[in-house]
């Protein structure tokens, strides 16, 4: 069973249950089935590097190897940055309370969305205090990591006073684009160009 997430606002803590909202939940989904000439369901297979062997679904896997080609466990790997310095791993957000901070709407609108969750209070928790703030058009954020790893996602908490949602993703570096200067139309009339003025030797 998944753990509950604990949010903290103004010193008050709320334990919430996350329910992921998928695109299929909103718009439904379409499944396409393919059949061969005999009416049997077509099965997707992978063609091996030898060009002859067909591999069934689930017959391939990824493996991590060292310089000698020996298999190693992922837990033995150490993440490093571009300078070769070790990256400190982050803990899962389910392991400790997560302090909510006020966020700006422009930052939220620049988010590259990964997941959307509906937030519901547990039986022992009351999130009305959070609903009151969200109903007052306030927006909150905190660093979020589902399982832990080498970096956090950005998480934004928003709502309408009745329902609360958490939207996770990566902050996008959105820049406002504009013309450096206004365009100026020339008042000079275009000069007629005749065929004699064109040198086809240069083509």
N, C-alpha and C. Protein backbone atom coordinates (compact mmCIF):
# COMPACT_ATOMS: atom_id res chain seq x y z
N UNK A 1 0.84 -1.19 0.00
CA UNK A 1 0.00 0.00 0.00
C UNK A 1 0.88 1.25 0.00
N UNK A 2 0.51 2.23 -0.82
CA UNK A 2 1.30 3.45 -0.93
C UNK A 2 1.21 4.26 0.36
N UNK A 3 2.30 4.96 0.67
CA UNK A 3 2.31 5.80 1.85
C UNK A 3 1.52 7.08 1.59
N UNK A 4 1.06 7.69 2.68
CA UNK A 4 0.39 8.98 2.59
C UNK A 4 1.43 10.10 2.65
N UNK A 5 1.11 11.21 2.04
CA UNK A 5 2.00 12.36 2.00
C UNK A 5 1.60 13.34 3.09
N UNK A 6 2.58 13.89 3.78
CA UNK A 6 2.32 14.86 4.84
C UNK A 6 2.75 16.24 4.36
N UNK A 7 1.80 17.18 4.35
CA UNK A 7 2.07 18.56 3.97
C UNK A 7 2.00 19.44 5.21
N UNK A 8 2.82 20.49 5.21
CA UNK A 8 2.88 21.39 6.36
C UNK A 8 2.68 22.83 5.88
N UNK A 9 1.72 23.53 6.51
CA UNK A 9 1.43 24.92 6.17
C UNK A 9 1.22 25.70 7.46
N UNK A 10 2.04 26.72 7.66
CA UNK A 10 1.94 27.57 8.85
C UNK A 10 2.03 26.75 10.13
N UNK A 11 2.85 25.72 10.12
CA UNK A 11 3.02 24.89 11.29
C UNK A 11 1.97 23.81 11.46
N UNK A 12 0.95 23.81 10.63
CA UNK A 12 -0.09 22.78 10.69
C UNK A 12 0.24 21.69 9.67
N UNK A 13 0.10 20.45 10.07
CA UNK A 13 0.42 19.32 9.19
C UNK A 13 -0.85 18.61 8.75
N UNK A 14 -0.87 18.21 7.48
CA UNK A 14 -2.01 17.53 6.89
C UNK A 14 -1.53 16.25 6.23
N UNK A 15 -2.17 15.16 6.54
CA UNK A 15 -1.85 13.89 5.89
C UNK A 15 -2.85 13.66 4.76
N UNK A 16 -2.35 13.51 3.55
CA UNK A 16 -3.22 13.40 2.38
C UNK A 16 -2.92 12.12 1.61
N UNK A 17 -3.94 11.69 0.89
CA UNK A 17 -3.83 10.53 0.01
C UNK A 17 -3.74 11.03 -1.42
N UNK A 18 -2.80 10.52 -2.18
CA UNK A 18 -2.62 10.92 -3.58
C UNK A 18 -3.37 9.96 -4.50
N UNK A 19 -4.16 10.55 -5.40
CA UNK A 19 -4.82 9.77 -6.45
C UNK A 19 -4.40 10.36 -7.78
N UNK A 20 -3.65 9.58 -8.53
CA UNK A 20 -3.13 10.10 -9.79
C UNK A 20 -4.25 10.21 -10.83
N UNK A 21 -4.26 11.34 -11.53
CA UNK A 21 -5.24 11.59 -12.58
C UNK A 21 -4.54 11.43 -13.92
N UNK A 22 -4.92 10.41 -14.67
CA UNK A 22 -4.34 10.17 -15.98
C UNK A 22 -5.20 10.79 -17.06
N UNK A 23 -4.60 10.96 -18.22
CA UNK A 23 -5.35 11.48 -19.36
C UNK A 23 -6.52 10.54 -19.71
N UNK A 24 -6.31 9.24 -19.53
CA UNK A 24 -7.37 8.28 -19.83
C UNK A 24 -8.59 8.49 -18.93
N UNK A 25 -8.35 8.93 -17.69
CA UNK A 25 -9.46 9.18 -16.77
C UNK A 25 -10.32 10.35 -17.25
N UNK A 26 -9.71 11.30 -17.93
CA UNK A 26 -10.44 12.48 -18.38
C UNK A 26 -11.08 12.30 -19.75
N UNK A 27 -10.34 11.68 -20.67
CA UNK A 27 -10.79 11.61 -22.06
C UNK A 27 -11.09 10.19 -22.54
N UNK A 28 -10.83 9.18 -21.69
CA UNK A 28 -11.00 7.81 -22.15
C UNK A 28 -9.81 7.39 -22.99
N UNK A 29 -9.89 6.18 -23.54
CA UNK A 29 -8.80 5.68 -24.36
C UNK A 29 -9.32 4.79 -25.47
N UNK A 30 -8.51 4.61 -26.48
CA UNK A 30 -8.86 3.78 -27.62
C UNK A 30 -7.80 2.70 -27.77
N UNK A 31 -8.22 1.46 -27.85
CA UNK A 31 -7.30 0.36 -28.06
C UNK A 31 -7.46 -0.18 -29.48
N UNK A 32 -6.37 -0.36 -30.17
CA UNK A 32 -6.37 -0.84 -31.55
C UNK A 32 -5.90 -2.29 -31.56
N UNK A 33 -6.70 -3.17 -32.12
CA UNK A 33 -6.34 -4.57 -32.22
C UNK A 33 -6.04 -4.91 -33.67
N UNK A 34 -4.98 -5.69 -33.88
CA UNK A 34 -4.59 -6.09 -35.24
C UNK A 34 -4.69 -7.62 -35.35
N UNK A 35 -5.11 -8.09 -36.53
CA UNK A 35 -5.25 -9.52 -36.78
C UNK A 35 -4.56 -9.88 -38.08
N UNK A 36 -4.10 -11.14 -38.17
CA UNK A 36 -3.49 -11.59 -39.41
C UNK A 36 -4.56 -12.07 -40.37
N UNK A 37 -4.12 -12.61 -41.50
CA UNK A 37 -5.07 -13.03 -42.53
C UNK A 37 -5.95 -14.19 -42.10
N UNK A 38 -5.55 -14.91 -41.04
CA UNK A 38 -6.36 -16.02 -40.53
C UNK A 38 -7.24 -15.62 -39.36
N UNK A 39 -7.23 -14.34 -39.02
CA UNK A 39 -8.07 -13.85 -37.95
C UNK A 39 -7.47 -14.00 -36.57
N UNK A 40 -6.21 -14.39 -36.49
CA UNK A 40 -5.55 -14.52 -35.20
C UNK A 40 -4.99 -13.16 -34.76
N UNK A 41 -5.03 -12.87 -33.47
CA UNK A 41 -4.49 -11.58 -33.00
C UNK A 41 -3.00 -11.45 -33.31
N UNK A 42 -2.62 -10.31 -33.87
CA UNK A 42 -1.21 -10.06 -34.17
C UNK A 42 -0.47 -9.73 -32.88
N UNK A 43 0.75 -10.22 -32.77
CA UNK A 43 1.56 -10.01 -31.57
C UNK A 43 2.82 -9.25 -31.96
N UNK A 44 3.15 -8.23 -31.19
CA UNK A 44 4.35 -7.43 -31.45
C UNK A 44 5.58 -8.20 -30.96
N UNK A 45 6.56 -8.33 -31.84
CA UNK A 45 7.81 -9.00 -31.49
C UNK A 45 8.99 -8.12 -31.86
N UNK A 46 10.14 -8.44 -31.27
CA UNK A 46 11.36 -7.68 -31.51
C UNK A 46 12.29 -8.51 -32.37
N UNK A 47 12.82 -7.90 -33.43
CA UNK A 47 13.78 -8.58 -34.28
C UNK A 47 15.17 -8.40 -33.71
N UNK A 48 15.84 -9.50 -33.43
CA UNK A 48 17.17 -9.45 -32.83
C UNK A 48 18.19 -8.91 -33.81
N UNK A 49 19.39 -8.64 -33.30
CA UNK A 49 20.45 -8.04 -34.11
C UNK A 49 20.89 -8.96 -35.24
N UNK A 50 20.65 -10.28 -35.12
CA UNK A 50 21.07 -11.19 -36.19
C UNK A 50 20.15 -11.13 -37.40
N UNK A 51 19.05 -10.39 -37.27
CA UNK A 51 18.13 -10.25 -38.40
C UNK A 51 17.24 -11.44 -38.64
N UNK A 52 17.28 -12.45 -37.77
CA UNK A 52 16.48 -13.66 -37.97
C UNK A 52 15.63 -14.02 -36.75
N UNK A 53 16.15 -13.77 -35.57
CA UNK A 53 15.48 -14.21 -34.35
C UNK A 53 14.39 -13.24 -33.93
N UNK A 54 13.19 -13.76 -33.67
CA UNK A 54 12.08 -12.96 -33.18
C UNK A 54 11.93 -13.19 -31.68
N UNK A 55 11.88 -12.11 -30.93
CA UNK A 55 11.82 -12.18 -29.47
C UNK A 55 10.43 -11.75 -29.02
N UNK A 56 9.83 -12.56 -28.16
CA UNK A 56 8.50 -12.25 -27.64
C UNK A 56 8.55 -11.05 -26.70
N UNK A 57 7.38 -10.47 -26.45
CA UNK A 57 7.27 -9.36 -25.50
C UNK A 57 7.75 -9.81 -24.13
N UNK A 58 8.60 -9.01 -23.50
CA UNK A 58 9.16 -9.36 -22.20
C UNK A 58 10.43 -10.17 -22.30
N UNK A 59 10.88 -10.45 -23.52
CA UNK A 59 12.08 -11.25 -23.70
C UNK A 59 13.36 -10.46 -23.73
N UNK A 60 13.28 -9.14 -23.56
CA UNK A 60 14.48 -8.30 -23.53
C UNK A 60 14.53 -7.54 -22.21
N UNK A 61 15.72 -7.13 -21.84
CA UNK A 61 15.90 -6.38 -20.59
C UNK A 61 17.17 -5.55 -20.70
N UNK A 62 17.27 -4.55 -19.84
CA UNK A 62 18.46 -3.71 -19.78
C UNK A 62 19.37 -4.20 -18.67
N UNK A 63 20.65 -4.14 -18.91
CA UNK A 63 21.62 -4.59 -17.91
C UNK A 63 22.72 -3.55 -17.80
N UNK A 64 23.20 -3.32 -16.59
CA UNK A 64 24.29 -2.39 -16.33
C UNK A 64 25.58 -3.18 -16.20
N UNK A 65 26.59 -2.77 -16.99
CA UNK A 65 27.87 -3.47 -16.96
C UNK A 65 28.99 -2.46 -16.73
N UNK A 66 30.12 -2.96 -16.26
CA UNK A 66 31.29 -2.11 -16.06
C UNK A 66 32.17 -2.13 -17.29
N UNK A 67 33.37 -1.55 -17.18
CA UNK A 67 34.26 -1.46 -18.33
C UNK A 67 34.67 -2.83 -18.86
N UNK A 68 34.67 -3.85 -17.99
CA UNK A 68 35.07 -5.19 -18.41
C UNK A 68 33.91 -6.01 -18.96
N UNK A 69 32.70 -5.42 -18.91
CA UNK A 69 31.54 -6.15 -19.39
C UNK A 69 30.86 -6.99 -18.34
N UNK A 70 31.30 -6.88 -17.09
CA UNK A 70 30.69 -7.65 -16.01
C UNK A 70 29.43 -6.94 -15.51
N UNK A 71 28.41 -7.73 -15.19
CA UNK A 71 27.16 -7.18 -14.69
C UNK A 71 27.35 -6.62 -13.28
N UNK A 72 26.75 -5.44 -13.03
CA UNK A 72 26.83 -4.82 -11.71
C UNK A 72 25.43 -4.37 -11.30
N UNK A 73 25.23 -4.25 -10.00
CA UNK A 73 23.95 -3.81 -9.47
C UNK A 73 23.87 -2.28 -9.51
N UNK A 74 22.66 -1.76 -9.79
CA UNK A 74 22.49 -0.31 -9.86
C UNK A 74 22.79 0.37 -8.53
N UNK A 75 22.57 -0.34 -7.43
CA UNK A 75 22.82 0.26 -6.11
C UNK A 75 24.31 0.50 -5.87
N UNK A 76 25.17 -0.14 -6.68
CA UNK A 76 26.61 0.06 -6.54
C UNK A 76 27.10 1.30 -7.29
N UNK A 77 26.22 1.92 -8.06
CA UNK A 77 26.60 3.09 -8.85
C UNK A 77 26.53 4.35 -8.00
N UNK A 78 27.41 5.29 -8.28
CA UNK A 78 27.43 6.57 -7.58
C UNK A 78 27.18 7.69 -8.59
N UNK A 79 26.09 8.44 -8.43
CA UNK A 79 25.81 9.53 -9.37
C UNK A 79 26.79 10.68 -9.19
N UNK A 80 27.25 11.25 -10.29
CA UNK A 80 28.16 12.39 -10.26
C UNK A 80 27.66 13.45 -11.22
N UNK A 81 28.10 14.70 -11.02
CA UNK A 81 27.73 15.78 -11.91
C UNK A 81 28.74 15.89 -13.05
N UNK A 82 28.62 16.94 -13.84
CA UNK A 82 29.50 17.11 -15.00
C UNK A 82 30.96 17.31 -14.60
N UNK A 83 31.18 17.77 -13.37
CA UNK A 83 32.55 17.97 -12.88
C UNK A 83 33.11 16.73 -12.20
N UNK A 84 32.31 15.67 -12.14
CA UNK A 84 32.77 14.44 -11.50
C UNK A 84 32.54 14.40 -10.00
N UNK A 85 31.89 15.42 -9.45
CA UNK A 85 31.62 15.45 -8.01
C UNK A 85 30.37 14.63 -7.71
N UNK A 86 30.40 13.93 -6.58
CA UNK A 86 29.27 13.08 -6.20
C UNK A 86 28.03 13.91 -5.91
N UNK A 87 26.89 13.43 -6.40
CA UNK A 87 25.61 14.10 -6.19
C UNK A 87 24.94 13.49 -4.96
N UNK A 88 24.53 14.35 -4.04
CA UNK A 88 23.84 13.88 -2.84
C UNK A 88 22.43 13.45 -3.20
N UNK A 89 22.07 12.24 -2.83
CA UNK A 89 20.74 11.73 -3.13
C UNK A 89 19.69 12.42 -2.27
N UNK A 90 18.49 12.55 -2.81
CA UNK A 90 17.38 13.14 -2.07
C UNK A 90 16.47 12.03 -1.56
N UNK A 91 15.84 12.29 -0.43
CA UNK A 91 14.93 11.32 0.17
C UNK A 91 13.56 11.41 -0.48
N UNK A 92 12.81 10.34 -0.36
CA UNK A 92 11.42 10.35 -0.82
C UNK A 92 10.62 11.34 0.00
N UNK A 93 9.72 12.07 -0.64
CA UNK A 93 8.90 13.05 0.06
C UNK A 93 7.91 12.40 1.01
N UNK A 94 7.73 11.09 0.91
CA UNK A 94 6.82 10.38 1.80
C UNK A 94 7.48 10.06 3.14
N UNK A 95 8.76 10.35 3.27
CA UNK A 95 9.47 10.00 4.50
C UNK A 95 9.50 11.12 5.52
N UNK A 96 9.03 12.32 5.16
CA UNK A 96 9.05 13.44 6.10
C UNK A 96 8.00 14.46 5.71
N UNK A 97 7.61 15.36 6.64
CA UNK A 97 6.66 16.43 6.29
C UNK A 97 7.26 17.35 5.24
N UNK A 98 6.40 17.89 4.38
CA UNK A 98 6.84 18.76 3.29
C UNK A 98 6.24 20.14 3.50
N UNK A 99 7.11 21.12 3.72
CA UNK A 99 6.67 22.48 4.04
C UNK A 99 6.24 23.20 2.76
N UNK A 100 5.01 23.71 2.78
CA UNK A 100 4.48 24.44 1.63
C UNK A 100 4.92 25.90 1.68
N UNK A 101 5.35 26.42 0.55
CA UNK A 101 5.73 27.82 0.43
C UNK A 101 4.88 28.48 -0.65
N UNK A 102 4.58 29.75 -0.46
CA UNK A 102 3.79 30.46 -1.45
C UNK A 102 4.56 30.53 -2.77
N UNK A 103 3.82 30.34 -3.86
CA UNK A 103 4.44 30.31 -5.19
C UNK A 103 3.77 31.35 -6.08
N UNK A 104 4.48 31.69 -7.14
CA UNK A 104 3.97 32.66 -8.10
C UNK A 104 3.29 31.94 -9.26
N UNK A 105 2.25 32.55 -9.78
CA UNK A 105 1.50 31.95 -10.87
C UNK A 105 2.36 31.78 -12.12
N UNK A 106 3.25 32.73 -12.39
CA UNK A 106 4.11 32.65 -13.56
C UNK A 106 5.02 31.43 -13.51
N UNK A 107 5.48 31.08 -12.31
CA UNK A 107 6.33 29.90 -12.17
C UNK A 107 5.53 28.63 -12.46
N UNK A 108 4.30 28.60 -11.97
CA UNK A 108 3.46 27.43 -12.23
C UNK A 108 3.13 27.28 -13.71
N UNK A 109 2.86 28.39 -14.39
CA UNK A 109 2.52 28.34 -15.81
C UNK A 109 3.70 27.91 -16.66
N UNK A 110 4.92 28.06 -16.13
CA UNK A 110 6.11 27.62 -16.86
C UNK A 110 6.49 26.19 -16.57
N UNK A 111 5.68 25.47 -15.79
CA UNK A 111 6.01 24.11 -15.40
C UNK A 111 5.83 23.14 -16.56
N UNK A 112 6.82 22.27 -16.76
CA UNK A 112 6.69 21.16 -17.70
C UNK A 112 6.07 20.00 -16.92
N UNK A 113 4.78 19.78 -17.10
CA UNK A 113 4.01 18.90 -16.23
C UNK A 113 4.36 17.43 -16.47
N UNK A 114 4.54 16.71 -15.37
CA UNK A 114 4.78 15.27 -15.42
C UNK A 114 3.56 14.49 -14.93
N UNK A 115 3.02 14.88 -13.77
CA UNK A 115 1.90 14.14 -13.19
C UNK A 115 0.96 15.11 -12.48
N UNK A 116 -0.31 14.70 -12.39
CA UNK A 116 -1.33 15.46 -11.68
C UNK A 116 -2.00 14.52 -10.68
N UNK A 117 -2.16 14.98 -9.42
CA UNK A 117 -2.74 14.16 -8.37
C UNK A 117 -3.89 14.91 -7.70
N UNK A 118 -4.93 14.17 -7.35
CA UNK A 118 -5.99 14.70 -6.50
C UNK A 118 -5.60 14.43 -5.05
N UNK A 119 -5.73 15.45 -4.19
CA UNK A 119 -5.36 15.32 -2.78
C UNK A 119 -6.62 15.15 -1.94
N UNK A 120 -6.70 14.05 -1.21
CA UNK A 120 -7.80 13.79 -0.29
C UNK A 120 -7.25 13.61 1.11
N UNK A 121 -8.00 14.09 2.09
CA UNK A 121 -7.58 13.92 3.49
C UNK A 121 -7.78 12.48 3.92
N UNK A 122 -6.90 12.01 4.77
CA UNK A 122 -7.10 10.70 5.38
C UNK A 122 -8.22 10.79 6.42
N UNK A 123 -8.65 9.65 6.93
CA UNK A 123 -9.74 9.64 7.91
C UNK A 123 -9.36 10.39 9.18
N UNK A 124 -8.06 10.40 9.50
CA UNK A 124 -7.61 11.05 10.73
C UNK A 124 -7.21 12.50 10.51
N UNK A 125 -7.25 12.98 9.28
CA UNK A 125 -6.74 14.31 8.99
C UNK A 125 -7.85 15.24 8.51
N UNK A 126 -7.66 16.54 8.72
CA UNK A 126 -8.59 17.57 8.27
C UNK A 126 -7.79 18.61 7.48
N UNK A 127 -8.13 18.77 6.21
CA UNK A 127 -7.37 19.70 5.36
C UNK A 127 -8.19 20.95 5.03
N UNK A 128 -9.18 21.27 5.87
CA UNK A 128 -9.99 22.45 5.61
C UNK A 128 -9.15 23.72 5.64
N UNK A 129 -8.15 23.75 6.53
CA UNK A 129 -7.26 24.91 6.60
C UNK A 129 -6.55 25.12 5.27
N UNK A 130 -6.14 24.03 4.63
CA UNK A 130 -5.51 24.12 3.32
C UNK A 130 -6.51 24.56 2.27
N UNK A 131 -7.74 24.02 2.31
CA UNK A 131 -8.78 24.42 1.36
C UNK A 131 -9.08 25.92 1.46
N UNK A 132 -9.08 26.44 2.68
CA UNK A 132 -9.37 27.86 2.86
C UNK A 132 -8.34 28.73 2.15
N UNK A 133 -7.09 28.35 2.24
CA UNK A 133 -6.04 29.12 1.58
C UNK A 133 -6.10 28.97 0.06
N UNK A 134 -6.38 27.76 -0.40
CA UNK A 134 -6.47 27.55 -1.84
C UNK A 134 -7.70 28.26 -2.42
N UNK A 135 -8.77 28.31 -1.65
CA UNK A 135 -9.97 29.02 -2.09
C UNK A 135 -9.76 30.51 -2.18
N UNK A 136 -8.75 31.01 -1.46
CA UNK A 136 -8.41 32.44 -1.51
C UNK A 136 -7.41 32.73 -2.62
N UNK A 137 -7.35 31.84 -3.60
CA UNK A 137 -6.49 32.01 -4.79
C UNK A 137 -5.01 31.99 -4.45
N UNK A 138 -4.65 31.25 -3.40
CA UNK A 138 -3.23 31.11 -3.07
C UNK A 138 -2.68 29.84 -3.70
N UNK A 139 -1.42 29.89 -4.04
CA UNK A 139 -0.73 28.79 -4.71
C UNK A 139 0.53 28.46 -3.91
N UNK A 140 0.79 27.16 -3.74
CA UNK A 140 1.92 26.73 -2.92
C UNK A 140 2.79 25.74 -3.71
N UNK A 141 4.04 25.65 -3.30
CA UNK A 141 4.96 24.73 -3.96
C UNK A 141 5.90 24.11 -2.93
N UNK A 142 6.51 22.99 -3.31
CA UNK A 142 7.53 22.35 -2.49
C UNK A 142 8.28 21.36 -3.37
N UNK A 143 9.51 21.02 -3.02
CA UNK A 143 10.26 20.01 -3.79
C UNK A 143 9.71 18.62 -3.52
N UNK A 144 9.50 17.84 -4.57
CA UNK A 144 8.84 16.54 -4.44
C UNK A 144 9.65 15.45 -5.13
N UNK A 145 9.78 14.34 -4.45
CA UNK A 145 10.40 13.15 -5.03
C UNK A 145 9.59 11.94 -4.60
N UNK A 146 9.08 11.18 -5.56
CA UNK A 146 8.20 10.06 -5.22
C UNK A 146 8.98 8.94 -4.53
N UNK A 147 10.07 8.51 -5.14
CA UNK A 147 10.83 7.39 -4.59
C UNK A 147 12.20 7.79 -4.06
N UNK A 148 12.57 9.04 -4.19
CA UNK A 148 13.93 9.44 -3.88
C UNK A 148 14.78 9.29 -5.13
N UNK A 149 15.96 9.85 -5.11
CA UNK A 149 16.82 9.79 -6.29
C UNK A 149 17.89 10.85 -6.23
N UNK A 150 18.23 11.39 -7.39
CA UNK A 150 19.31 12.37 -7.44
C UNK A 150 18.80 13.80 -7.53
N UNK A 151 17.49 13.99 -7.75
CA UNK A 151 16.96 15.35 -7.80
C UNK A 151 15.46 15.35 -7.52
N UNK A 152 14.97 16.52 -7.12
CA UNK A 152 13.55 16.69 -6.87
C UNK A 152 12.83 17.14 -8.13
N UNK A 153 11.53 16.90 -8.16
CA UNK A 153 10.64 17.58 -9.09
C UNK A 153 10.06 18.79 -8.37
N UNK A 154 9.51 19.70 -9.13
CA UNK A 154 8.77 20.81 -8.53
C UNK A 154 7.32 20.38 -8.38
N UNK A 155 6.73 20.63 -7.22
CA UNK A 155 5.33 20.28 -6.98
C UNK A 155 4.57 21.54 -6.60
N UNK A 156 3.42 21.74 -7.23
CA UNK A 156 2.56 22.88 -6.94
C UNK A 156 1.22 22.37 -6.43
N UNK A 157 0.73 22.99 -5.35
CA UNK A 157 -0.55 22.63 -4.77
C UNK A 157 -1.52 23.77 -5.04
N UNK A 158 -2.65 23.45 -5.65
CA UNK A 158 -3.64 24.46 -6.02
C UNK A 158 -5.03 23.86 -5.88
N UNK A 159 -6.04 24.72 -5.87
CA UNK A 159 -7.41 24.23 -5.74
C UNK A 159 -8.40 25.37 -5.79
N UNK A 160 -9.68 25.01 -5.55
CA UNK A 160 -10.75 26.00 -5.61
C UNK A 160 -11.48 26.16 -4.29
N UNK A 161 -10.92 25.62 -3.23
CA UNK A 161 -11.57 25.69 -1.93
C UNK A 161 -12.35 24.44 -1.59
N UNK A 162 -12.64 23.61 -2.59
CA UNK A 162 -13.36 22.35 -2.37
C UNK A 162 -12.47 21.15 -2.67
N UNK A 163 -11.75 21.23 -3.77
CA UNK A 163 -10.84 20.16 -4.17
C UNK A 163 -9.43 20.71 -4.24
N UNK A 164 -8.47 19.87 -3.89
CA UNK A 164 -7.06 20.26 -3.94
C UNK A 164 -6.32 19.31 -4.87
N UNK A 165 -5.37 19.88 -5.61
CA UNK A 165 -4.60 19.11 -6.57
C UNK A 165 -3.12 19.39 -6.39
N UNK A 166 -2.31 18.42 -6.75
CA UNK A 166 -0.86 18.59 -6.77
C UNK A 166 -0.37 18.29 -8.18
N UNK A 167 0.36 19.23 -8.75
CA UNK A 167 0.90 19.10 -10.11
C UNK A 167 2.41 19.07 -10.01
N UNK A 168 3.03 18.01 -10.54
CA UNK A 168 4.48 17.87 -10.45
C UNK A 168 5.10 17.94 -11.84
N UNK A 169 6.38 18.31 -11.88
CA UNK A 169 7.10 18.40 -13.13
C UNK A 169 8.41 19.15 -12.94
N UNK A 170 8.93 19.64 -14.04
CA UNK A 170 10.18 20.39 -14.03
C UNK A 170 9.91 21.85 -14.37
N UNK A 171 10.56 22.73 -13.62
CA UNK A 171 10.43 24.16 -13.91
C UNK A 171 11.06 24.45 -15.27
N UNK A 172 10.28 25.05 -16.14
CA UNK A 172 10.79 25.39 -17.47
C UNK A 172 11.41 26.77 -17.48
N UNK A 173 12.48 26.93 -18.23
CA UNK A 173 13.12 28.24 -18.37
C UNK A 173 12.45 28.99 -19.52
N UNK A 174 11.30 29.57 -19.21
CA UNK A 174 10.52 30.27 -20.23
C UNK A 174 10.96 31.72 -20.30
N UNK A 175 11.34 32.15 -21.48
CA UNK A 175 11.76 33.54 -21.68
C UNK A 175 10.76 34.26 -22.58
N UNK A 176 10.49 35.50 -22.21
CA UNK A 176 9.59 36.31 -23.02
C UNK A 176 10.33 36.80 -24.27
N UNK A 177 9.75 36.56 -25.41
CA UNK A 177 10.38 36.94 -26.67
C UNK A 177 9.69 38.18 -27.25
N UNK A 178 10.48 39.07 -27.78
CA UNK A 178 9.93 40.25 -28.43
C UNK A 178 10.93 40.75 -29.46
N UNK A 179 10.46 41.61 -30.33
CA UNK A 179 11.34 42.19 -31.34
C UNK A 179 12.30 43.17 -30.67
N UNK A 180 13.55 43.15 -31.11
CA UNK A 180 14.53 44.07 -30.54
C UNK A 180 14.21 45.52 -30.87
N UNK A 181 13.62 45.73 -32.04
CA UNK A 181 13.26 47.09 -32.44
C UNK A 181 12.09 47.03 -33.40
N UNK A 182 11.37 48.12 -33.46
CA UNK A 182 10.21 48.17 -34.35
C UNK A 182 10.67 48.20 -35.80
N UNK A 183 9.95 47.51 -36.64
CA UNK A 183 10.27 47.50 -38.06
C UNK A 183 9.90 48.83 -38.72
N UNK A 184 10.72 49.29 -39.64
CA UNK A 184 10.49 50.56 -40.33
C UNK A 184 10.27 50.27 -41.81
N UNK A 185 9.16 50.74 -42.34
CA UNK A 185 8.87 50.54 -43.76
C UNK A 185 9.57 51.61 -44.57
N UNK A 186 10.23 51.18 -45.65
CA UNK A 186 10.93 52.13 -46.52
C UNK A 186 9.93 52.81 -47.44
N UNK A 187 10.10 54.11 -47.60
CA UNK A 187 9.21 54.87 -48.47
C UNK A 187 9.70 54.89 -49.92
N UNK A 188 10.87 54.33 -50.14
CA UNK A 188 11.42 54.31 -51.51
C UNK A 188 10.69 53.26 -52.34
N UNK A 189 10.34 53.62 -53.53
CA UNK A 189 9.67 52.70 -54.43
C UNK A 189 10.68 51.71 -54.98
N UNK A 190 10.22 50.48 -55.22
CA UNK A 190 11.09 49.48 -55.79
C UNK A 190 11.40 49.84 -57.24
N UNK A 191 12.65 49.64 -57.57
CA UNK A 191 13.06 49.90 -58.94
C UNK A 191 12.78 48.67 -59.81
N UNK A 192 12.29 48.93 -61.00
CA UNK A 192 12.00 47.83 -61.91
C UNK A 192 13.30 47.18 -62.35
N UNK A 193 13.31 45.86 -62.31
CA UNK A 193 14.48 45.11 -62.73
C UNK A 193 14.14 44.37 -64.01
N UNK A 194 14.93 44.61 -65.03
CA UNK A 194 14.69 43.96 -66.31
C UNK A 194 15.56 42.73 -66.43
N UNK A 195 15.25 41.91 -67.40
CA UNK A 195 16.02 40.69 -67.62
C UNK A 195 17.46 41.00 -67.99
N UNK A 196 17.70 42.19 -68.59
CA UNK A 196 19.06 42.55 -68.97
C UNK A 196 19.94 42.79 -67.76
N UNK A 197 19.31 43.13 -66.61
CA UNK A 197 20.08 43.42 -65.41
C UNK A 197 20.52 42.16 -64.67
N UNK A 198 20.00 41.01 -65.07
CA UNK A 198 20.31 39.76 -64.38
C UNK A 198 21.39 39.02 -65.13
N UNK A 199 22.46 38.66 -64.45
CA UNK A 199 23.56 37.92 -65.05
C UNK A 199 23.36 36.43 -64.75
N UNK A 200 23.01 35.68 -65.79
CA UNK A 200 22.81 34.24 -65.63
C UNK A 200 24.14 33.50 -65.56
N UNK A 201 25.24 34.20 -65.81
CA UNK A 201 26.55 33.54 -65.71
C UNK A 201 26.90 33.19 -64.27
N UNK A 202 26.24 33.91 -63.33
CA UNK A 202 26.53 33.67 -61.93
C UNK A 202 25.72 32.52 -61.33
N UNK A 203 24.76 32.02 -62.09
CA UNK A 203 23.90 30.95 -61.58
C UNK A 203 24.57 29.61 -61.75
